[in-house]
Amino acid sequence: MSPEPDRPDDAEPTPPADPPAGPPAGAPQGPPAGEPTAGPPSPTPPQGPPYRTPPYPGAPGISPEPAGYAQPAEPRRLSFGAGVGIGTGIGCGAYVLGGLLAIALISTGLVGFLIPFVIIAIVGAALMFSARTRPIGTGILIVTAAAWILVLGPCVALLAPGGFT
């Protein structure tokens, strides 16, 4: 044999490749295909987003939405007390205007004098039916009660036929 073969047939045979990895020929085989394997279950990959979400909306932490894409904050509603204060101011203004109208209508008699104040009371009672306008209606009715007790009662008693007799 020559040190370099001219033909591939003259080359030395190569050793066989390593046998495939797996159990030896005499080892017991696993369960047949389609049957569950024995032993602990394989771990499942974590589900959900790759980042931690806050436990409740508005919690400090990473926002689930990119910056600039969050919903705008809704304006805060006024408290019930603030609504009653606004209704009280509206009621006072309404009674000032109603008083001026009552003075103009006094020539028609007692009913003409009372009409503006009855209309204000009806409007205050009508505002009580909606949850959104209930605080304003409460403030108007508070002013209505005070006006009827302190102002209108004595005025009606003085204007009624016969006076205090």
Protein backbone atom coordinates (compact mmCIF):
# COMPACT_ATOMS: atom_id res chain seq x y z
CA MET A 1 0.00 0.00 0.00
CA SER A 2 1.08 3.42 -0.83
CA PRO A 3 1.00 6.22 1.76
CA GLU A 4 -1.55 8.19 -0.28
CA PRO A 5 -4.25 6.32 -2.03
CA ASP A 6 -5.07 7.25 -5.63
CA ARG A 7 -8.52 5.93 -5.49
CA PRO A 8 -11.16 6.04 -2.76
CA ASP A 9 -11.33 2.26 -2.78
CA ASP A 10 -7.79 2.12 -1.56
CA ALA A 11 -8.53 4.23 1.53
CA GLU A 12 -8.77 2.60 4.90
CA PRO A 13 -12.29 1.92 6.06
CA THR A 14 -13.71 4.48 8.53
CA PRO A 15 -14.87 3.23 11.90
CA PRO A 16 -18.66 2.96 12.30
CA ALA A 17 -20.53 5.96 13.75
CA ASP A 18 -21.54 5.98 17.41
CA PRO A 19 -24.72 4.03 18.11
CA PRO A 20 -27.86 6.15 18.59
CA ALA A 21 -28.45 7.42 22.10
CA GLY A 22 -31.14 5.67 24.01
CA PRO A 23 -31.70 2.83 26.38
CA PRO A 24 -29.66 -0.29 25.91
CA ALA A 25 -31.22 -3.14 24.01
CA GLY A 26 -32.12 -5.12 27.14
CA ALA A 27 -33.58 -2.16 29.12
CA PRO A 28 -37.37 -1.95 29.68
CA GLN A 29 -39.17 0.32 27.23
CA GLY A 30 -41.52 3.25 28.20
CA PRO A 31 -45.31 3.13 27.89
CA PRO A 32 -46.77 2.74 24.43
CA ALA A 33 -47.63 5.88 22.48
CA GLY A 34 -50.84 7.59 23.55
CA GLU A 35 -50.68 6.51 27.22
CA PRO A 36 -49.67 8.93 29.99
CA THR A 37 -46.20 8.66 31.42
CA ALA A 38 -45.61 7.80 35.03
CA GLY A 39 -43.97 10.30 37.35
CA PRO A 40 -44.34 14.00 38.10
CA PRO A 41 -45.90 16.18 35.38
CA SER A 42 -43.63 18.39 33.37
CA PRO A 43 -43.67 22.05 34.44
CA THR A 44 -45.85 24.34 32.32
CA PRO A 45 -44.54 27.69 31.14
CA PRO A 46 -45.95 30.74 33.01
CA GLN A 47 -49.10 32.20 31.50
CA GLY A 48 -50.00 35.89 31.18
CA PRO A 49 -48.05 39.03 30.38
CA PRO A 50 -44.27 39.07 30.88
CA TYR A 51 -44.61 41.93 33.36
CA ARG A 52 -46.31 42.24 36.73
CA THR A 53 -49.71 43.93 36.64
CA PRO A 54 -50.93 46.08 39.56
CA PRO A 55 -53.44 44.38 41.88
CA TYR A 56 -56.14 47.01 41.24
CA PRO A 57 -56.65 49.93 38.84
CA GLY A 58 -54.58 52.92 39.82
CA ALA A 59 -52.19 50.91 42.00
CA PRO A 60 -48.56 51.99 41.91
CA GLY A 61 -46.47 49.85 39.61
CA ILE A 62 -46.07 49.18 35.94
CA SER A 63 -49.07 50.16 33.90
CA PRO A 64 -50.40 47.44 31.61
CA GLU A 65 -50.76 50.04 28.84
CA PRO A 66 -47.96 52.12 27.31
CA ALA A 67 -47.70 55.72 28.45
CA GLY A 68 -50.06 58.02 26.60
CA TYR A 69 -52.62 55.31 25.82
CA ALA A 70 -54.41 55.18 29.17
CA GLN A 71 -58.02 56.33 29.48
CA PRO A 72 -58.30 59.94 30.65
CA ALA A 73 -59.36 60.35 34.25
CA GLU A 74 -63.03 61.19 34.68
CA PRO A 75 -63.76 64.46 36.46
CA ARG A 76 -64.65 64.00 40.09
CA ARG A 77 -68.27 64.54 40.99
CA LEU A 78 -69.10 67.10 43.63
CA SER A 79 -69.96 65.84 47.08
CA PHE A 80 -73.55 65.90 48.34
CA GLY A 81 -72.73 68.82 50.65
CA ALA A 82 -71.33 70.87 47.77
CA GLY A 83 -74.53 70.20 45.78
CA VAL A 84 -76.67 71.32 48.74
CA GLY A 85 -74.60 74.51 48.98
CA ILE A 86 -75.08 75.19 45.28
CA GLY A 87 -78.82 74.51 45.62
CA THR A 88 -79.02 76.86 48.61
CA GLY A 89 -77.41 79.64 46.57
CA ILE A 90 -79.76 78.98 43.64
CA GLY A 91 -82.74 78.93 46.03
CA CYS A 92 -81.75 82.25 47.62
CA GLY A 93 -81.41 83.87 44.20
CA ALA A 94 -84.74 82.39 43.11
CA TYR A 95 -86.48 83.76 46.20
CA VAL A 96 -85.05 87.23 45.63
CA LEU A 97 -86.39 87.19 42.06
CA GLY A 98 -89.63 85.58 43.25
CA GLY A 99 -90.05 88.31 45.87
CA LEU A 100 -89.69 91.01 43.22
CA LEU A 101 -92.23 89.21 41.02
CA ALA A 102 -94.58 88.76 44.01
CA ILE A 103 -94.48 92.48 44.71
CA ALA A 104 -95.40 93.11 41.05
CA LEU A 105 -98.26 90.57 41.25
CA ILE A 106 -99.63 91.65 44.63
CA SER A 107 -102.25 93.76 42.88
CA THR A 108 -103.89 90.55 41.59
CA GLY A 109 -104.49 89.36 45.14
CA LEU A 110 -103.11 86.74 47.50
CA VAL A 111 -102.90 83.99 44.86
CA GLY A 112 -100.84 86.22 42.54
CA PHE A 113 -98.52 86.96 45.49
CA LEU A 114 -97.96 83.24 46.21
CA ILE A 115 -97.54 81.92 42.63
CA PRO A 116 -93.76 82.62 42.32
CA PHE A 117 -93.03 80.88 45.63
CA VAL A 118 -95.15 77.84 44.80
CA ILE A 119 -93.35 77.49 41.45
CA ILE A 120 -89.96 77.55 43.21
CA ALA A 121 -91.14 74.81 45.62
CA ILE A 122 -92.42 72.68 42.71
CA VAL A 123 -89.07 73.03 40.88
CA GLY A 124 -87.17 72.02 44.03
CA ALA A 125 -89.39 68.96 44.48
CA ALA A 126 -88.98 68.00 40.80
CA LEU A 127 -85.19 68.07 41.16
CA MET A 128 -85.45 65.41 43.87
CA PHE A 129 -86.39 62.69 41.35
CA SER A 130 -82.97 62.49 39.66
CA ALA A 131 -79.94 61.26 41.61
CA ARG A 132 -77.75 63.75 39.79
CA THR A 133 -79.83 66.82 40.73
CA ARG A 134 -80.98 65.62 44.17
CA PRO A 135 -78.42 67.67 46.16
CA ILE A 136 -79.42 70.87 44.33
CA GLY A 137 -83.11 70.12 44.94
CA THR A 138 -82.35 69.55 48.62
CA GLY A 139 -80.70 72.97 48.89
CA ILE A 140 -83.62 74.68 47.13
CA LEU A 141 -86.13 72.95 49.42
CA ILE A 142 -84.16 73.98 52.52
CA VAL A 143 -84.38 77.61 51.42
CA THR A 144 -88.07 77.07 50.56
CA ALA A 145 -88.82 75.82 54.07
CA ALA A 146 -86.96 78.70 55.68
CA ALA A 147 -88.62 81.27 53.42
CA TRP A 148 -92.13 79.93 54.03
CA ILE A 149 -91.64 79.84 57.80
CA LEU A 150 -89.82 83.14 58.27
CA VAL A 151 -91.11 85.38 55.47
CA LEU A 152 -94.17 84.11 53.67
CA GLY A 153 -96.10 82.95 56.75
CA PRO A 154 -96.12 86.36 58.43
CA CYS A 155 -96.70 88.14 55.08
CA VAL A 156 -99.69 85.94 54.24
CA ALA A 157 -101.06 86.49 57.73
CA LEU A 158 -100.76 90.25 57.28
CA LEU A 159 -102.19 90.23 53.74
CA ALA A 160 -105.07 87.84 54.42
CA PRO A 161 -108.46 89.42 54.72
CA GLY A 162 -109.10 90.19 58.36
CA GLY A 163 -105.39 90.30 59.36
CA PHE A 164 -104.67 88.96 62.87
CA THR A 165 -108.26 89.21 64.14
